[in-house]
Amino acid sequence: VFAKRYTMLSSTNVRMKILKFLLERFRTSCLHVDMHANDLSLCLHVACVSAVLGTFSAGWDESEFSFILQYLDSEFSYGGELQSLLVEGMEIDSDDEEGLLLHEDTLRLRLKLILRSFYWDHSVMCTNFLIHLFHTQYSMEPKVISQLLYLMLGPTCDGQPFSGVSLQNLSTDQKKLLRTRTFHPDWNFPQMVCPLTYYEAKDALEELGQCITVLFNCNKMCKNEVCEIFNHLVGFQHHAAEPLWLIDNIATLLLFTSGEFIKLYLLYLGNIPRLVYNIPSILAAMVVVCDRMDNRLDPTEKQGVGSILDWAFANFSASTSNKTFAINFWQEIFERLEDGDLSGDMLGQVGHHAGNKYAAVFDKDKNNVAAPQNDNEE
C-alpha cells in the first residue's frame, strides 16, 4: 500500500522499478532463506510477491497488466512453463500409469503455485487478470481454460513430499493451505470419488464452483462460453452422451455455483440433443447431494434445490413432453432410493414439495372456473 501511494504520480514503468527495489529490500531483510532452498521457501516467496502485486495493481487498466506479468515472469520464469503446458496439453489416459507419471512430471509445482497465488488467492482483480490470461495473453479455447482451472483449483493428490517443514507439525488449515497450492492435481478424483460430507465436498469442489460463478458474473465473458468451460470441466467430451465425472460430483459443483448459472447451464444442455437426457439425472443428483449434505430441499431463509426443481419443470415442459420429463425425473429419484443414496426423509421432502406445488396450481385453476349458471350446467 505504501509503494502504491508513494508512486501513484509516476509512470507505470517507474512504479514497477521502485516496487522491484522495495521487494528486494523486503526479501533480504525478512525472508532470509533463498527462494529455491525448499518447497516452503518457494511457497512463502510466491505468496508474498503475489499479495504485493495484487494490491499494487488494484484499479489498473488492462493495458498495464503486461508490466505486472513481465515482473512475475522475470521472478519465477512461469511464462515458458505455461506456454509449454498449453502446447503439450493437460489430458491424460487414466489407464496409462506411465503417461500419468510423465504428465505429473510436466505439471511443475512452481507453475501451479504461481497461477493459483496470483490469479486467485491474492489478486484483488482476479477476474480481470483471469480474463486477460484466457483471452489476451493467450487465446484459449474453453477446453484449455477448463483444464487450467482444474490445475489451479481442483482436488489435489495426497501424500506428496514437501520439503522445508514437517507436515505432521502443521495444523489442519496449514496443511490444506500448502496442499491446495503446491500439490499436483488429482485428475481422476471426480471420476472415481464422491464426497460423502459437506466438508469433503467443500474441500474438493467449492473453489472451482466459485471460479465458475466469478467468470459467469463477469461482463467480459460470454455466458455460453462459461457453459462450454463447465461442460469440458465435467467431461462432456466430443460426441459422448454421458460425462466422465460422476453425476453426483457434477451436481455438487453446480450447487457450489449460483442459481442463475445452474438455470443457464440446464438450458444450455437442453439445447444439445445428445445431452438433454442428462437433465433429469442431474436434478435427481442435486436432490441426493442436498440430502447427503444434510440440507433442506426448501430452506426457510434462502432458495434451495426445490426452487431449481420448480424452474426446471416449468421451463422444460415447453420443449420436452412434461409427462416424459416428469417420469424420467421420478424414475431417477426412485432408482437412487433403491440404491440407498436417498433417505426416506428427503423423499418425504420431495413429495411434500411436489404436493404443495401441484395443490397450489390446482387451487388456482379451480378458482378460475366460472360458477355454474343453472342446474343443468351444475
Foldseek 3Di string as FASTA:
>chain_A
DCLLVVCVPPDLVVSLVVVVVVLVVCCVVPVVDDCVPFQVSVLVSLLVLLQVLQVNCPPPDPVSVVSVVVVVCVVQVLPVLVVVDLVVDQDDDPVDVVRVVVSLVSLAQNNLLNCQSNLPPRHPPNLSVLCCVPPPVDPHALLRSLSSLCQNAAAFDPDDDGPDDDPVPDDPVVNLVSGNRGGGGDLCCQQPDDDQEPVVLCSGALVVQDVLQSLCPDPVHDLVSSLVSLCSNQAPDDLDLDGSGDLLNSLSSPVSHDPVNVVVNLVVLCVPVSHVLCSLVNLLSNLLVCVSHVHAQCDDPDHHSLVVVVVVLVPCVVVDPSVVSVVSNVVNNVVCVVVVSDDPVSVVRVVVSVVVVVVVVVVVVVVPDDDDPDPVSD
